[in-house]
Amino acid sequence: MALAPLISGVCNTLGTRLIPAARASLLANAELPLAPLWVWLAFGERPGMGAWVGGAVICLALAVDLAGARRDG
């Protein structure tokens, strides 16, 4: 388990070279809405309304960006 942060960091660094900076930023921010979800599922600690709204905004931005990329080719 101690290697997981190292491996993810290396993959993140290498992967961001292959995609535009805006998409890399959106993908990196996808972790933020998922963290409260995992805490809620694992420990039963319910996130506040702000966490849900912020997570929805990030997920929506990511979905719109990825949908536009697929349409463009």
Protein backbone atom coordinates (compact mmCIF):
# COMPACT_ATOMS: atom_id res chain seq x y z
CA MET A 1 0.00 0.00 0.00
CA ALA A 2 2.92 2.37 0.51
CA LEU A 3 3.65 2.26 -3.21
CA ALA A 4 0.18 3.43 -4.26
CA PRO A 5 0.85 7.18 -3.81
CA LEU A 6 4.18 6.85 -5.63
CA ILE A 7 2.67 4.95 -8.54
CA SER A 8 -0.28 7.32 -8.83
CA GLY A 9 2.04 10.33 -8.74
CA VAL A 10 4.24 8.93 -11.50
CA CYS A 11 1.21 8.04 -13.64
CA ASN A 12 -0.26 11.49 -13.07
CA THR A 13 3.00 13.19 -14.05
CA LEU A 14 3.46 11.10 -17.17
CA GLY A 15 -0.19 11.31 -18.19
CA THR A 16 -0.43 15.09 -17.96
CA ARG A 17 2.18 15.37 -20.70
CA LEU A 18 -0.21 13.71 -23.14
CA ILE A 19 -3.35 15.80 -22.65
CA PRO A 20 -4.15 19.52 -22.60
CA ALA A 21 -3.62 21.37 -19.32
CA ALA A 22 -7.31 22.20 -18.91
CA ARG A 23 -8.32 18.53 -19.16
CA ALA A 24 -5.53 17.50 -16.77
CA SER A 25 -6.82 20.01 -14.25
CA LEU A 26 -10.38 18.73 -14.56
CA LEU A 27 -9.27 15.12 -14.16
CA ALA A 28 -7.17 15.98 -11.12
CA ASN A 29 -10.18 17.72 -9.59
CA ALA A 30 -12.33 14.62 -10.11
CA GLU A 31 -10.74 13.27 -6.92
CA LEU A 32 -12.33 16.03 -4.86
CA PRO A 33 -16.00 15.08 -5.29
CA LEU A 34 -15.20 11.40 -4.83
CA ALA A 35 -13.48 11.80 -1.45
CA PRO A 36 -16.65 12.77 0.50
CA LEU A 37 -18.53 10.00 -1.29
CA TRP A 38 -16.02 7.36 -0.14
CA VAL A 39 -16.06 8.72 3.42
CA TRP A 40 -19.85 8.60 3.41
CA LEU A 41 -19.89 5.02 2.12
CA ALA A 42 -17.09 3.79 4.39
CA PHE A 43 -17.83 5.60 7.66
CA GLY A 44 -21.39 6.87 7.33
CA GLU A 45 -20.33 10.51 7.70
CA ARG A 46 -22.74 12.45 5.52
CA PRO A 47 -21.18 15.31 3.52
CA GLY A 48 -22.71 18.76 3.75
CA MET A 49 -24.71 20.41 0.98
CA GLY A 50 -21.67 22.41 -0.14
CA ALA A 51 -19.69 19.24 -0.77
CA TRP A 52 -22.50 17.78 -2.88
CA VAL A 53 -22.95 20.97 -4.91
CA GLY A 54 -19.21 21.42 -5.44
CA GLY A 55 -18.83 17.80 -6.46
CA ALA A 56 -21.71 18.10 -8.91
CA VAL A 57 -20.16 21.20 -10.51
CA ILE A 58 -16.81 19.44 -10.97
CA CYS A 59 -18.43 16.28 -12.36
CA LEU A 60 -20.59 18.32 -14.74
CA ALA A 61 -17.57 20.29 -16.00
CA LEU A 62 -15.66 17.06 -16.55
CA ALA A 63 -18.58 15.45 -18.39
CA VAL A 64 -19.06 18.49 -20.64
CA ASP A 65 -15.35 18.62 -21.45
CA LEU A 66 -15.14 14.92 -22.25
CA ALA A 67 -18.32 15.03 -24.35
CA GLY A 68 -16.88 17.94 -26.34
CA ALA A 69 -13.64 16.06 -26.88
CA ARG A 70 -15.47 13.03 -28.23
CA ARG A 71 -17.51 15.18 -30.59
CA ASP A 72 -14.40 16.95 -31.89
CA GLY A 73 -12.71 13.70 -32.68
